[in-house]
Amino acid sequence: MTSERLFLIGGGGFVGQNLIRHYTVRGVEVLALTRSPESAKVAEEPGRSKVMCSRPAWKEL
């Protein structure tokens, strides 16, 4: 049995957040890409998806 995976670009936006929710409810493993760490925190579904930021937090460097 193969598990389904989805790589989503734009996971922090309105459409991206809804797609993450849609697919995680159906058991799909989602890896999403966002532009900022703040968007990554908003988009993450606890225990069901992983969200990465596409650029470093420059203020923290």
PDB file of N, CA and C in Angstrom:
ATOM      1  N   MET A   1       0.845  -1.181   0.000  1.00  0.00           N
ATOM      2  CA  MET A   1       0.000   0.000   0.000  1.00  0.00           C
ATOM      3  C   MET A   1       0.887   1.240   0.000  1.00  0.00           C
ATOM      4  N   THR A   2       0.641   2.154  -0.896  1.00  0.00           N
ATOM      5  CA  THR A   2       1.428   3.376  -0.973  1.00  0.00           C
ATOM      6  C   THR A   2       0.668   4.524  -0.313  1.00  0.00           C
ATOM      7  N   SER A   3       1.400   5.328   0.442  1.00  0.00           N
ATOM      8  CA  SER A   3       0.767   6.498   1.046  1.00  0.00           C
ATOM      9  C   SER A   3       0.913   7.674   0.084  1.00  0.00           C
ATOM     10  N   GLU A   4      -0.088   8.519   0.078  1.00  0.00           N
ATOM     11  CA  GLU A   4      -0.063   9.662  -0.827  1.00  0.00           C
ATOM     12  C   GLU A   4       0.624  10.838  -0.160  1.00  0.00           C
ATOM     13  N   ARG A   5       1.355  11.583  -0.965  1.00  0.00           N
ATOM     14  CA  ARG A   5       2.046  12.783  -0.501  1.00  0.00           C
ATOM     15  C   ARG A   5       1.766  13.915  -1.464  1.00  0.00           C
ATOM     16  N   LEU A   6       1.755  15.134  -0.913  1.00  0.00           N
ATOM     17  CA  LEU A   6       1.493  16.307  -1.731  1.00  0.00           C
ATOM     18  C   LEU A   6       2.472  17.405  -1.340  1.00  0.00           C
ATOM     19  N   PHE A   7       3.130  18.014  -2.330  1.00  0.00           N
ATOM     20  CA  PHE A   7       3.966  19.186  -2.100  1.00  0.00           C
ATOM     21  C   PHE A   7       3.193  20.382  -2.617  1.00  0.00           C
ATOM     22  N   LEU A   8       2.939  21.345  -1.733  1.00  0.00           N
ATOM     23  CA  LEU A   8       2.099  22.483  -2.064  1.00  0.00           C
ATOM     24  C   LEU A   8       2.895  23.779  -1.957  1.00  0.00           C
ATOM     25  N   ILE A   9       2.897  24.556  -3.016  1.00  0.00           N
ATOM     26  CA  ILE A   9       3.536  25.874  -3.010  1.00  0.00           C
ATOM     27  C   ILE A   9       2.459  26.899  -2.696  1.00  0.00           C
ATOM     28  N   GLY A  10       2.721  27.770  -1.739  1.00  0.00           N
ATOM     29  CA  GLY A  10       1.742  28.787  -1.350  1.00  0.00           C
ATOM     30  C   GLY A  10       0.822  28.305  -0.242  1.00  0.00           C
ATOM     31  N   GLY A  11       1.363  27.550   0.687  1.00  0.00           N
ATOM     32  CA  GLY A  11       0.549  26.978   1.758  1.00  0.00           C
ATOM     33  C   GLY A  11       0.030  27.973   2.781  1.00  0.00           C
ATOM     34  N   GLY A  12       0.560  29.182   2.802  1.00  0.00           N
ATOM     35  CA  GLY A  12       0.132  30.169   3.790  1.00  0.00           C
ATOM     36  C   GLY A  12      -1.036  31.023   3.356  1.00  0.00           C
ATOM     37  N   GLY A  13      -1.415  30.959   2.104  1.00  0.00           N
ATOM     38  CA  GLY A  13      -2.512  31.776   1.592  1.00  0.00           C
ATOM     39  C   GLY A  13      -3.869  31.147   1.858  1.00  0.00           C
ATOM     40  N   PHE A  14      -4.913  31.865   1.483  1.00  0.00           N
ATOM     41  CA  PHE A  14      -6.284  31.397   1.709  1.00  0.00           C
ATOM     42  C   PHE A  14      -6.540  30.058   1.026  1.00  0.00           C
ATOM     43  N   VAL A  15      -6.198  29.967  -0.235  1.00  0.00           N
ATOM     44  CA  VAL A  15      -6.430  28.722  -0.980  1.00  0.00           C
ATOM     45  C   VAL A  15      -5.534  27.611  -0.447  1.00  0.00           C
ATOM     46  N   GLY A  16      -4.264  27.930  -0.206  1.00  0.00           N
ATOM     47  CA  GLY A  16      -3.325  26.925   0.295  1.00  0.00           C
ATOM     48  C   GLY A  16      -3.737  26.324   1.625  1.00  0.00           C
ATOM     49  N   GLN A  17      -4.202  27.154   2.550  1.00  0.00           N
ATOM     50  CA  GLN A  17      -4.643  26.655   3.852  1.00  0.00           C
ATOM     51  C   GLN A  17      -5.824  25.703   3.708  1.00  0.00           C
ATOM     52  N   ASN A  18      -6.746  26.042   2.812  1.00  0.00           N
ATOM     53  CA  ASN A  18      -7.894  25.170   2.600  1.00  0.00           C
ATOM     54  C   ASN A  18      -7.498  23.865   1.911  1.00  0.00           C
ATOM     55  N   LEU A  19      -6.524  23.922   1.012  1.00  0.00           N
ATOM     56  CA  LEU A  19      -6.047  22.691   0.372  1.00  0.00           C
ATOM     57  C   LEU A  19      -5.350  21.786   1.393  1.00  0.00           C
ATOM     58  N   ILE A  20      -4.565  22.381   2.286  1.00  0.00           N
ATOM     59  CA  ILE A  20      -3.907  21.597   3.334  1.00  0.00           C
ATOM     60  C   ILE A  20      -4.959  20.868   4.162  1.00  0.00           C
ATOM     61  N   ARG A  21      -5.969  21.592   4.590  1.00  0.00           N
ATOM     62  CA  ARG A  21      -7.049  21.001   5.384  1.00  0.00           C
ATOM     63  C   ARG A  21      -7.764  19.894   4.601  1.00  0.00           C
ATOM     64  N   HIS A  22      -8.072  20.156   3.350  1.00  0.00           N
ATOM     65  CA  HIS A  22      -8.774  19.192   2.495  1.00  0.00           C
ATOM     66  C   HIS A  22      -8.009  17.874   2.390  1.00  0.00           C
ATOM     67  N   TYR A  23      -6.725  17.958   2.111  1.00  0.00           N
ATOM     68  CA  TYR A  23      -5.941  16.746   1.891  1.00  0.00           C
ATOM     69  C   TYR A  23      -5.563  16.025   3.183  1.00  0.00           C
ATOM     70  N   THR A  24      -5.278  16.761   4.255  1.00  0.00           N
ATOM     71  CA  THR A  24      -4.907  16.085   5.499  1.00  0.00           C
ATOM     72  C   THR A  24      -6.079  15.308   6.085  1.00  0.00           C
ATOM     73  N   VAL A  25      -7.291  15.817   5.938  1.00  0.00           N
ATOM     74  CA  VAL A  25      -8.483  15.099   6.401  1.00  0.00           C
ATOM     75  C   VAL A  25      -8.618  13.761   5.668  1.00  0.00           C
ATOM     76  N   ARG A  26      -8.165  13.705   4.447  1.00  0.00           N
ATOM     77  CA  ARG A  26      -8.242  12.485   3.636  1.00  0.00           C
ATOM     78  C   ARG A  26      -7.016  11.591   3.804  1.00  0.00           C
ATOM     79  N   GLY A  27      -6.140  11.931   4.747  1.00  0.00           N
ATOM     80  CA  GLY A  27      -4.995  11.079   5.047  1.00  0.00           C
ATOM     81  C   GLY A  27      -3.771  11.299   4.180  1.00  0.00           C
ATOM     82  N   VAL A  28      -3.747  12.377   3.407  1.00  0.00           N
ATOM     83  CA  VAL A  28      -2.605  12.672   2.551  1.00  0.00           C
ATOM     84  C   VAL A  28      -1.564  13.432   3.361  1.00  0.00           C
ATOM     85  N   GLU A  29      -0.304  13.024   3.243  1.00  0.00           N
ATOM     86  CA  GLU A  29       0.791  13.740   3.904  1.00  0.00           C
ATOM     87  C   GLU A  29       1.113  14.985   3.079  1.00  0.00           C
ATOM     88  N   VAL A  30       1.050  16.154   3.711  1.00  0.00           N
ATOM     89  CA  VAL A  30       1.239  17.412   2.997  1.00  0.00           C
ATOM     90  C   VAL A  30       2.525  18.091   3.461  1.00  0.00           C
ATOM     91  N   LEU A  31       3.334  18.513   2.504  1.00  0.00           N
ATOM     92  CA  LEU A  31       4.487  19.365   2.758  1.00  0.00           C
ATOM     93  C   LEU A  31       4.226  20.652   2.000  1.00  0.00           C
ATOM     94  N   ALA A  32       4.131  21.755   2.731  1.00  0.00           N
ATOM     95  CA  ALA A  32       3.779  23.031   2.104  1.00  0.00           C
ATOM     96  C   ALA A  32       4.933  24.015   2.209  1.00  0.00           C
ATOM     97  N   LEU A  33       4.984  24.928   1.256  1.00  0.00           N
ATOM     98  CA  LEU A  33       6.005  25.961   1.210  1.00  0.00           C
ATOM     99  C   LEU A  33       5.331  27.318   1.366  1.00  0.00           C
ATOM    100  N   THR A  34       5.882  28.156   2.259  1.00  0.00           N
ATOM    101  CA  THR A  34       5.358  29.508   2.459  1.00  0.00           C
ATOM    102  C   THR A  34       6.488  30.520   2.310  1.00  0.00           C
ATOM    103  N   ARG A  35       6.130  31.803   2.270  1.00  0.00           N
ATOM    104  CA  ARG A  35       7.141  32.845   2.134  1.00  0.00           C
ATOM    105  C   ARG A  35       7.689  33.346   3.462  1.00  0.00           C
ATOM    106  N   SER A  36       6.959  33.167   4.540  1.00  0.00           N
ATOM    107  CA  SER A  36       7.422  33.706   5.825  1.00  0.00           C
ATOM    108  C   SER A  36       7.180  32.711   6.949  1.00  0.00           C
ATOM    109  N   PRO A  37       7.967  32.816   8.025  1.00  0.00           N
ATOM    110  CA  PRO A  37       7.751  31.941   9.181  1.00  0.00           C
ATOM    111  C   PRO A  37       6.363  32.140   9.798  1.00  0.00           C
ATOM    112  N   GLU A  38       5.842  33.351   9.733  1.00  0.00           N
ATOM    113  CA  GLU A  38       4.511  33.616  10.278  1.00  0.00           C
ATOM    114  C   GLU A  38       3.441  32.838   9.510  1.00  0.00           C
ATOM    115  N   SER A  39       3.558  32.834   8.197  1.00  0.00           N
ATOM    116  CA  SER A  39       2.608  32.073   7.369  1.00  0.00           C
ATOM    117  C   SER A  39       2.736  30.583   7.639  1.00  0.00           C
ATOM    118  N   ALA A  40       3.947  30.128   7.878  1.00  0.00           N
ATOM    119  CA  ALA A  40       4.166  28.705   8.156  1.00  0.00           C
ATOM    120  C   ALA A  40       3.444  28.293   9.433  1.00  0.00           C
ATOM    121  N   LYS A  41       3.473  29.134  10.452  1.00  0.00           N
ATOM    122  CA  LYS A  41       2.795  28.821  11.711  1.00  0.00           C
ATOM    123  C   LYS A  41       1.290  28.748  11.517  1.00  0.00           C
ATOM    124  N   VAL A  42       0.744  29.638  10.714  1.00  0.00           N
ATOM    125  CA  VAL A  42      -0.700  29.676  10.470  1.00  0.00           C
ATOM    126  C   VAL A  42      -1.144  28.461   9.664  1.00  0.00           C
ATOM    127  N   ALA A  43      -0.347  28.063   8.687  1.00  0.00           N
ATOM    128  CA  ALA A  43      -0.740  26.999   7.761  1.00  0.00           C
ATOM    129  C   ALA A  43      -0.589  25.597   8.331  1.00  0.00           C
ATOM    130  N   GLU A  44       0.203  25.427   9.375  1.00  0.00           N
ATOM    131  CA  GLU A  44       0.504  24.086   9.860  1.00  0.00           C
ATOM    132  C   GLU A  44      -0.689  23.435  10.550  1.00  0.00           C
ATOM    133  N   GLU A  45      -1.004  22.236  10.143  1.00  0.00           N
ATOM    134  CA  GLU A  45      -2.032  21.429  10.791  1.00  0.00           C
ATOM    135  C   GLU A  45      -1.304  20.533  11.787  1.00  0.00           C
ATOM    136  N   PRO A  46      -1.562  20.692  13.061  1.00  0.00           N
ATOM    137  CA  PRO A  46      -0.818  19.935  14.082  1.00  0.00           C
ATOM    138  C   PRO A  46      -0.812  18.426  13.833  1.00  0.00           C
ATOM    139  N   GLY A  47       0.398  17.886  13.742  1.00  0.00           N
ATOM    140  CA  GLY A  47       0.573  16.454  13.588  1.00  0.00           C
ATOM    141  C   GLY A  47       0.237  15.872  12.234  1.00  0.00           C
ATOM    142  N   ARG A  48      -0.201  16.713  11.276  1.00  0.00           N
ATOM    143  CA  ARG A  48      -0.629  16.167   9.994  1.00  0.00           C
ATOM    144  C   ARG A  48       0.058  16.786   8.793  1.00  0.00           C
ATOM    145  N   SER A  49       0.689  17.936   8.947  1.00  0.00           N
ATOM    146  CA  SER A  49       1.373  18.539   7.805  1.00  0.00           C
ATOM    147  C   SER A  49       2.651  19.202   8.277  1.00  0.00           C
ATOM    148  N   LYS A  50       3.575  19.376   7.345  1.00  0.00           N
ATOM    149  CA  LYS A  50       4.826  20.064   7.624  1.00  0.00           C
ATOM    150  C   LYS A  50       4.883  21.274   6.715  1.00  0.00           C
ATOM    151  N   VAL A  51       5.277  22.406   7.271  1.00  0.00           N
ATOM    152  CA  VAL A  51       5.331  23.632   6.488  1.00  0.00           C
ATOM    153  C   VAL A  51       6.723  24.222   6.598  1.00  0.00           C
ATOM    154  N   MET A  52       7.299  24.607   5.447  1.00  0.00           N
ATOM    155  CA  MET A  52       8.631  25.199   5.407  1.00  0.00           C
ATOM    156  C   MET A  52       8.529  26.622   4.886  1.00  0.00           C
ATOM    157  N   CYS A  53       9.436  27.454   5.366  1.00  0.00           N
ATOM    158  CA  CYS A  53       9.513  28.830   4.879  1.00  0.00           C
ATOM    159  C   CYS A  53      10.555  28.871   3.766  1.00  0.00           C
ATOM    160  N   SER A  54      10.254  29.596   2.679  1.00  0.00           N
ATOM    161  CA  SER A  54      11.154  29.603   1.533  1.00  0.00           C
ATOM    162  C   SER A  54      12.328  30.561   1.670  1.00  0.00           C
ATOM    163  N   ARG A  55      12.261  31.478   2.616  1.00  0.00           N
ATOM    164  CA  ARG A  55      13.411  32.360   2.838  1.00  0.00           C
ATOM    165  C   ARG A  55      13.638  32.519   4.336  1.00  0.00           C
ATOM    166  N   PRO A  56      14.877  32.730   4.732  1.00  0.00           N
ATOM    167  CA  PRO A  56      15.179  32.843   6.151  1.00  0.00           C
ATOM    168  C   PRO A  56      14.561  34.091   6.778  1.00  0.00           C
ATOM    169  N   ALA A  57      14.384  34.028   8.055  1.00  0.00           N
ATOM    170  CA  ALA A  57      13.872  35.194   8.791  1.00  0.00           C
ATOM    171  C   ALA A  57      15.037  36.170   8.959  1.00  0.00           C
ATOM    172  N   TRP A  58      15.121  37.129   8.062  1.00  0.00           N
ATOM    173  CA  TRP A  58      16.279  38.039   8.034  1.00  0.00           C
ATOM    174  C   TRP A  58      16.445  38.818   9.321  1.00  0.00           C
ATOM    175  N   LYS A  59      15.379  39.134   9.996  1.00  0.00           N
ATOM    176  CA  LYS A  59      15.465  39.897  11.242  1.00  0.00           C
ATOM    177  C   LYS A  59      16.156  39.117  12.340  1.00  0.00           C
ATOM    178  N   GLU A  60      16.110  37.795  12.245  1.00  0.00           N
ATOM    179  CA  GLU A  60      16.713  36.951  13.278  1.00  0.00           C
ATOM    180  C   GLU A  60      18.192  36.692  13.046  1.00  0.00           C
ATOM    181  N   LEU A  61      18.723  37.051  11.893  1.00  0.00           N
ATOM    182  CA  LEU A  61      20.136  36.791  11.581  1.00  0.00           C
ATOM    183  C   LEU A  61      21.039  37.802  12.227  1.00  0.00           C
TER     184      LEU A  61
END
